[in-house]
């Protein structure tokens, strides 16, 4: 009997000393984690590589609501200007959380990729101010996960594709935004 108690005691000590190994099931792919706190994030994967708006370089990240219209955009600067814009036009219905908005209907909702470099996938385009170009999404979705009208925080997820002139389709995936908005 003493031997049985001894083995039970030893087993208890061994099991109680084991630490539970917790793994994080979310893979952020090198992106800032998805959040809903107004953290100032606009990020996604662009053809599998992290694209993160740089808040240090003007205009950084911009975001605003006016009635039923919404717009968020952010830019990075490598060698040339590059930006992503997500927009819901004022003609759209009321904006709601957990509703998927189809970014292929560019009259109401769209994703947009902008740039100023002439050595890119859009090298022959000269469609905007000062030689910058803007190309609209051909598909994709945008979903709001939080709209806090008291703290003016808006958060959500997105993905979309853009067809280019000289490269393969640009795929924007695992997108997330979390921003304090202007009203």
C-alpha atoms as a PDB file:
ATOM      1  CA  UNK A   1       0.000   0.000   0.000  1.00  0.00           C
ATOM      2  CA  UNK A   2       2.866   2.384   0.865  1.00  0.00           C
ATOM      3  CA  UNK A   3       4.401   1.637  -2.536  1.00  0.00           C
ATOM      4  CA  UNK A   4       1.125   2.485  -4.289  1.00  0.00           C
ATOM      5  CA  UNK A   5       0.883   5.826  -2.445  1.00  0.00           C
ATOM      6  CA  UNK A   6       4.516   6.498  -3.326  1.00  0.00           C
ATOM      7  CA  UNK A   7       3.867   5.947  -7.070  1.00  0.00           C
ATOM      8  CA  UNK A   8       0.711   8.067  -6.998  1.00  0.00           C
ATOM      9  CA  UNK A   9       2.626  10.871  -5.218  1.00  0.00           C
ATOM     10  CA  UNK A  10       5.490  10.722  -7.723  1.00  0.00           C
ATOM     11  CA  UNK A  11       3.014  10.717 -10.645  1.00  0.00           C
ATOM     12  CA  UNK A  12       1.223  13.734  -9.206  1.00  0.00           C
ATOM     13  CA  UNK A  13       4.493  15.649  -8.785  1.00  0.00           C
ATOM     14  CA  UNK A  14       5.576  14.868 -12.361  1.00  0.00           C
ATOM     15  CA  UNK A  15       2.229  15.837 -13.858  1.00  0.00           C
ATOM     16  CA  UNK A  16       1.913  19.017 -11.809  1.00  0.00           C
ATOM     17  CA  UNK A  17       5.369  20.175 -12.880  1.00  0.00           C
ATOM     18  CA  UNK A  18       4.498  19.959 -16.577  1.00  0.00           C
ATOM     19  CA  UNK A  19       3.748  23.298 -18.169  1.00  0.00           C
ATOM     20  CA  UNK A  20       0.926  23.483 -20.607  1.00  0.00           C
ATOM     21  CA  UNK A  21       2.320  24.445 -24.004  1.00  0.00           C
ATOM     22  CA  UNK A  22       0.072  27.119 -25.494  1.00  0.00           C
ATOM     23  CA  UNK A  23       0.354  27.897 -29.165  1.00  0.00           C
ATOM     24  CA  UNK A  24      -1.054  30.923 -30.884  1.00  0.00           C
ATOM     25  CA  UNK A  25      -3.408  29.680 -33.605  1.00  0.00           C
ATOM     26  CA  UNK A  26      -3.295  33.030 -35.446  1.00  0.00           C
ATOM     27  CA  UNK A  27      -0.510  33.491 -37.988  1.00  0.00           C
ATOM     28  CA  UNK A  28      -0.042  37.197 -38.661  1.00  0.00           C
ATOM     29  CA  UNK A  29       2.287  36.610 -41.645  1.00  0.00           C
ATOM     30  CA  UNK A  30       4.604  39.401 -40.501  1.00  0.00           C
ATOM     31  CA  UNK A  31       1.703  41.858 -40.192  1.00  0.00           C
ATOM     32  CA  UNK A  32       0.616  43.748 -37.081  1.00  0.00           C
ATOM     33  CA  UNK A  33      -2.002  41.708 -35.223  1.00  0.00           C
ATOM     34  CA  UNK A  34      -5.653  42.357 -36.009  1.00  0.00           C
ATOM     35  CA  UNK A  35      -7.077  44.611 -33.303  1.00  0.00           C
ATOM     36  CA  UNK A  36     -10.091  46.770 -32.489  1.00  0.00           C
ATOM     37  CA  UNK A  37      -8.547  49.481 -30.299  1.00  0.00           C
ATOM     38  CA  UNK A  38      -7.788  52.296 -32.769  1.00  0.00           C
ATOM     39  CA  UNK A  39      -4.164  51.126 -33.038  1.00  0.00           C
ATOM     40  CA  UNK A  40      -3.460  52.976 -36.312  1.00  0.00           C
ATOM     41  CA  UNK A  41      -3.021  49.933 -38.537  1.00  0.00           C
ATOM     42  CA  UNK A  42      -3.591  49.405 -42.251  1.00  0.00           C
ATOM     43  CA  UNK A  43      -1.766  46.308 -43.437  1.00  0.00           C
ATOM     44  CA  UNK A  44      -2.068  43.303 -45.733  1.00  0.00           C
ATOM     45  CA  UNK A  45      -0.052  40.839 -47.736  1.00  0.00           C
ATOM     46  CA  UNK A  46       0.730  42.009 -51.273  1.00  0.00           C
ATOM     47  CA  UNK A  47       1.437  38.873 -53.291  1.00  0.00           C
ATOM     48  CA  UNK A  48       2.407  37.121 -50.071  1.00  0.00           C
ATOM     49  CA  UNK A  49       4.720  39.855 -48.713  1.00  0.00           C
ATOM     50  CA  UNK A  50       3.832  42.234 -45.863  1.00  0.00           C
ATOM     51  CA  UNK A  51       2.536  45.662 -46.921  1.00  0.00           C
ATOM     52  CA  UNK A  52       2.170  47.945 -43.894  1.00  0.00           C
ATOM     53  CA  UNK A  53       1.149  51.593 -44.135  1.00  0.00           C
ATOM     54  CA  UNK A  54       3.784  53.816 -42.622  1.00  0.00           C
ATOM     55  CA  UNK A  55       2.287  56.331 -40.201  1.00  0.00           C
ATOM     56  CA  UNK A  56       5.611  58.208 -40.064  1.00  0.00           C
ATOM     57  CA  UNK A  57       5.511  59.261 -43.740  1.00  0.00           C
ATOM     58  CA  UNK A  58       2.794  61.785 -44.690  1.00  0.00           C
ATOM     59  CA  UNK A  59      -0.001  61.255 -45.387  1.00  0.00           C
ATOM     60  CA  UNK A  60       0.378  58.068 -43.286  1.00  0.00           C
ATOM     61  CA  UNK A  61      -3.054  56.557 -42.659  1.00  0.00           C
ATOM     62  CA  UNK A  62      -6.231  58.547 -43.241  1.00  0.00           C
ATOM     63  CA  UNK A  63      -9.748  57.496 -42.342  1.00  0.00           C
ATOM     64  CA  UNK A  64     -13.176  59.091 -42.284  1.00  0.00           C
ATOM     65  CA  UNK A  65     -16.941  58.610 -42.220  1.00  0.00           C
ATOM     66  CA  UNK A  66     -19.422  61.054 -43.751  1.00  0.00           C
ATOM     67  CA  UNK A  67     -23.042  59.879 -43.518  1.00  0.00           C
ATOM     68  CA  UNK A  68     -22.974  56.494 -45.260  1.00  0.00           C
ATOM     69  CA  UNK A  69     -19.594  57.010 -46.930  1.00  0.00           C
ATOM     70  CA  UNK A  70     -16.361  55.553 -45.597  1.00  0.00           C
ATOM     71  CA  UNK A  71     -12.777  55.829 -46.748  1.00  0.00           C
ATOM     72  CA  UNK A  72      -9.500  54.550 -45.351  1.00  0.00           C
ATOM     73  CA  UNK A  73      -6.125  54.690 -47.006  1.00  0.00           C
ATOM     74  CA  UNK A  74      -2.491  54.380 -46.196  1.00  0.00           C
ATOM     75  CA  UNK A  75       0.818  54.790 -47.925  1.00  0.00           C
ATOM     76  CA  UNK A  76       4.322  53.423 -47.871  1.00  0.00           C
ATOM     77  CA  UNK A  77       7.380  54.875 -49.459  1.00  0.00           C
ATOM     78  CA  UNK A  78      10.022  52.603 -50.847  1.00  0.00           C
ATOM     79  CA  UNK A  79      11.543  54.374 -53.826  1.00  0.00           C
ATOM     80  CA  UNK A  80       8.236  55.800 -54.994  1.00  0.00           C
ATOM     81  CA  UNK A  81       4.835  56.616 -53.549  1.00  0.00           C
ATOM     82  CA  UNK A  82       2.521  53.617 -53.053  1.00  0.00           C
ATOM     83  CA  UNK A  83      -0.912  53.545 -51.365  1.00  0.00           C
ATOM     84  CA  UNK A  84      -4.009  51.437 -50.759  1.00  0.00           C
ATOM     85  CA  UNK A  85      -7.486  52.955 -50.465  1.00  0.00           C
ATOM     86  CA  UNK A  86     -10.700  51.196 -49.408  1.00  0.00           C
ATOM     87  CA  UNK A  87     -13.923  53.082 -49.939  1.00  0.00           C
ATOM     88  CA  UNK A  88     -17.685  52.812 -49.605  1.00  0.00           C
ATOM     89  CA  UNK A  89     -19.413  55.557 -51.554  1.00  0.00           C
ATOM     90  CA  UNK A  90     -22.263  57.647 -50.186  1.00  0.00           C
ATOM     91  CA  UNK A  91     -24.804  55.930 -52.489  1.00  0.00           C
ATOM     92  CA  UNK A  92     -24.313  52.651 -50.607  1.00  0.00           C
ATOM     93  CA  UNK A  93     -26.687  51.374 -47.946  1.00  0.00           C
ATOM     94  CA  UNK A  94     -26.024  51.834 -44.235  1.00  0.00           C
ATOM     95  CA  UNK A  95     -22.617  50.481 -43.219  1.00  0.00           C
ATOM     96  CA  UNK A  96     -22.878  47.565 -40.791  1.00  0.00           C
ATOM     97  CA  UNK A  97     -20.431  45.306 -38.975  1.00  0.00           C
ATOM     98  CA  UNK A  98     -20.019  41.649 -39.990  1.00  0.00           C
ATOM     99  CA  UNK A  99     -21.430  42.358 -43.459  1.00  0.00           C
ATOM    100  CA  UNK A 100     -19.258  41.546 -46.453  1.00  0.00           C
ATOM    101  CA  UNK A 101     -19.058  44.318 -49.062  1.00  0.00           C
ATOM    102  CA  UNK A 102     -18.162  43.200 -52.601  1.00  0.00           C
ATOM    103  CA  UNK A 103     -15.215  45.276 -53.848  1.00  0.00           C
ATOM    104  CA  UNK A 104     -15.878  44.425 -57.509  1.00  0.00           C
ATOM    105  CA  UNK A 105     -18.813  46.870 -57.691  1.00  0.00           C
ATOM    106  CA  UNK A 106     -16.617  49.955 -57.991  1.00  0.00           C
ATOM    107  CA  UNK A 107     -19.618  52.288 -58.259  1.00  0.00           C
ATOM    108  CA  UNK A 108     -20.432  51.561 -54.591  1.00  0.00           C
ATOM    109  CA  UNK A 109     -17.411  49.884 -52.979  1.00  0.00           C
ATOM    110  CA  UNK A 110     -13.825  49.486 -54.078  1.00  0.00           C
ATOM    111  CA  UNK A 111     -10.258  48.768 -53.243  1.00  0.00           C
ATOM    112  CA  UNK A 112      -7.665  50.863 -55.021  1.00  0.00           C
ATOM    113  CA  UNK A 113      -3.926  50.578 -55.471  1.00  0.00           C
ATOM    114  CA  UNK A 114      -2.040  53.811 -56.193  1.00  0.00           C
ATOM    115  CA  UNK A 115       1.519  54.625 -57.067  1.00  0.00           C
ATOM    116  CA  UNK A 116       3.866  57.135 -58.574  1.00  0.00           C
ATOM    117  CA  UNK A 117       6.681  54.980 -59.892  1.00  0.00           C
ATOM    118  CA  UNK A 118       7.117  54.521 -63.595  1.00  0.00           C
ATOM    119  CA  UNK A 119       9.203  51.349 -63.215  1.00  0.00           C
ATOM    120  CA  UNK A 120       6.368  49.215 -61.903  1.00  0.00           C
ATOM    121  CA  UNK A 121       3.705  46.840 -63.130  1.00  0.00           C
ATOM    122  CA  UNK A 122       1.796  49.913 -64.334  1.00  0.00           C
ATOM    123  CA  UNK A 123       4.758  51.606 -65.990  1.00  0.00           C
ATOM    124  CA  UNK A 124       2.914  52.885 -69.047  1.00  0.00           C
ATOM    125  CA  UNK A 125       0.034  54.395 -67.105  1.00  0.00           C
ATOM    126  CA  UNK A 126      -0.021  58.122 -66.517  1.00  0.00           C
ATOM    127  CA  UNK A 127      -3.568  58.568 -65.307  1.00  0.00           C
ATOM    128  CA  UNK A 128      -3.332  60.740 -62.228  1.00  0.00           C
ATOM    129  CA  UNK A 129      -1.898  63.878 -60.756  1.00  0.00           C
ATOM    130  CA  UNK A 130       1.817  64.240 -61.402  1.00  0.00           C
ATOM    131  CA  UNK A 131       2.111  60.892 -63.136  1.00  0.00           C
ATOM    132  CA  UNK A 132       0.661  58.827 -60.300  1.00  0.00           C
ATOM    133  CA  UNK A 133      -1.718  56.044 -61.269  1.00  0.00           C
ATOM    134  CA  UNK A 134      -4.715  54.486 -59.530  1.00  0.00           C
ATOM    135  CA  UNK A 135      -6.071  51.021 -60.352  1.00  0.00           C
ATOM    136  CA  UNK A 136      -9.354  49.650 -58.991  1.00  0.00           C
ATOM    137  CA  UNK A 137     -10.097  46.206 -57.606  1.00  0.00           C
ATOM    138  CA  UNK A 138     -11.657  43.600 -59.872  1.00  0.00           C
ATOM    139  CA  UNK A 139     -12.902  41.503 -56.961  1.00  0.00           C
ATOM    140  CA  UNK A 140     -12.539  41.197 -53.218  1.00  0.00           C
ATOM    141  CA  UNK A 141     -14.345  41.964 -50.008  1.00  0.00           C
ATOM    142  CA  UNK A 142     -14.357  44.381 -47.102  1.00  0.00           C
ATOM    143  CA  UNK A 143     -15.896  43.619 -43.708  1.00  0.00           C
ATOM    144  CA  UNK A 144     -16.154  45.892 -40.685  1.00  0.00           C
ATOM    145  CA  UNK A 145     -15.551  44.083 -37.390  1.00  0.00           C
ATOM    146  CA  UNK A 146     -16.055  47.146 -35.184  1.00  0.00           C
ATOM    147  CA  UNK A 147     -17.572  50.604 -35.551  1.00  0.00           C
ATOM    148  CA  UNK A 148     -17.476  52.515 -32.268  1.00  0.00           C
ATOM    149  CA  UNK A 149     -19.237  55.857 -32.743  1.00  0.00           C
ATOM    150  CA  UNK A 150     -18.359  57.068 -29.217  1.00  0.00           C
ATOM    151  CA  UNK A 151     -14.595  56.513 -29.416  1.00  0.00           C
ATOM    152  CA  UNK A 152     -14.541  56.936 -33.235  1.00  0.00           C
ATOM    153  CA  UNK A 153     -12.804  53.601 -33.840  1.00  0.00           C
ATOM    154  CA  UNK A 154     -13.305  51.543 -36.985  1.00  0.00           C
ATOM    155  CA  UNK A 155     -11.768  48.116 -37.565  1.00  0.00           C
ATOM    156  CA  UNK A 156     -12.107  45.476 -40.226  1.00  0.00           C
ATOM    157  CA  UNK A 157     -10.623  43.026 -42.688  1.00  0.00           C
ATOM    158  CA  UNK A 158     -10.243  43.053 -46.480  1.00  0.00           C
ATOM    159  CA  UNK A 159      -8.838  41.366 -49.548  1.00  0.00           C
ATOM    160  CA  UNK A 160      -8.885  42.288 -53.225  1.00  0.00           C
ATOM    161  CA  UNK A 161      -7.122  41.780 -56.557  1.00  0.00           C
ATOM    162  CA  UNK A 162      -5.836  44.321 -59.068  1.00  0.00           C
ATOM    163  CA  UNK A 163      -4.958  43.476 -62.670  1.00  0.00           C
ATOM    164  CA  UNK A 164      -1.767  45.121 -63.917  1.00  0.00           C
ATOM    165  CA  UNK A 165      -0.354  45.929 -67.339  1.00  0.00           C
ATOM    166  CA  UNK A 166       3.059  44.311 -67.070  1.00  0.00           C
ATOM    167  CA  UNK A 167       2.909  41.904 -64.112  1.00  0.00           C
ATOM    168  CA  UNK A 168       0.686  39.160 -62.824  1.00  0.00           C
ATOM    169  CA  UNK A 169      -2.441  40.088 -60.896  1.00  0.00           C
ATOM    170  CA  UNK A 170      -1.659  41.794 -57.596  1.00  0.00           C
ATOM    171  CA  UNK A 171      -3.281  39.945 -54.685  1.00  0.00           C
ATOM    172  CA  UNK A 172      -3.984  41.887 -51.476  1.00  0.00           C
ATOM    173  CA  UNK A 173      -4.817  39.294 -48.792  1.00  0.00           C
ATOM    174  CA  UNK A 174      -5.116  39.022 -45.008  1.00  0.00           C
ATOM    175  CA  UNK A 175      -5.801  42.770 -44.881  1.00  0.00           C
ATOM    176  CA  UNK A 176      -6.714  44.445 -41.645  1.00  0.00           C
ATOM    177  CA  UNK A 177      -7.328  47.985 -40.466  1.00  0.00           C
ATOM    178  CA  UNK A 178      -7.889  49.512 -37.033  1.00  0.00           C
ATOM    179  CA  UNK A 179      -8.048  53.280 -36.927  1.00  0.00           C
ATOM    180  CA  UNK A 180      -9.519  56.262 -35.115  1.00  0.00           C
ATOM    181  CA  UNK A 181     -11.642  58.017 -37.727  1.00  0.00           C
ATOM    182  CA  UNK A 182     -12.520  61.630 -38.488  1.00  0.00           C
ATOM    183  CA  UNK A 183     -16.184  62.565 -38.366  1.00  0.00           C
END
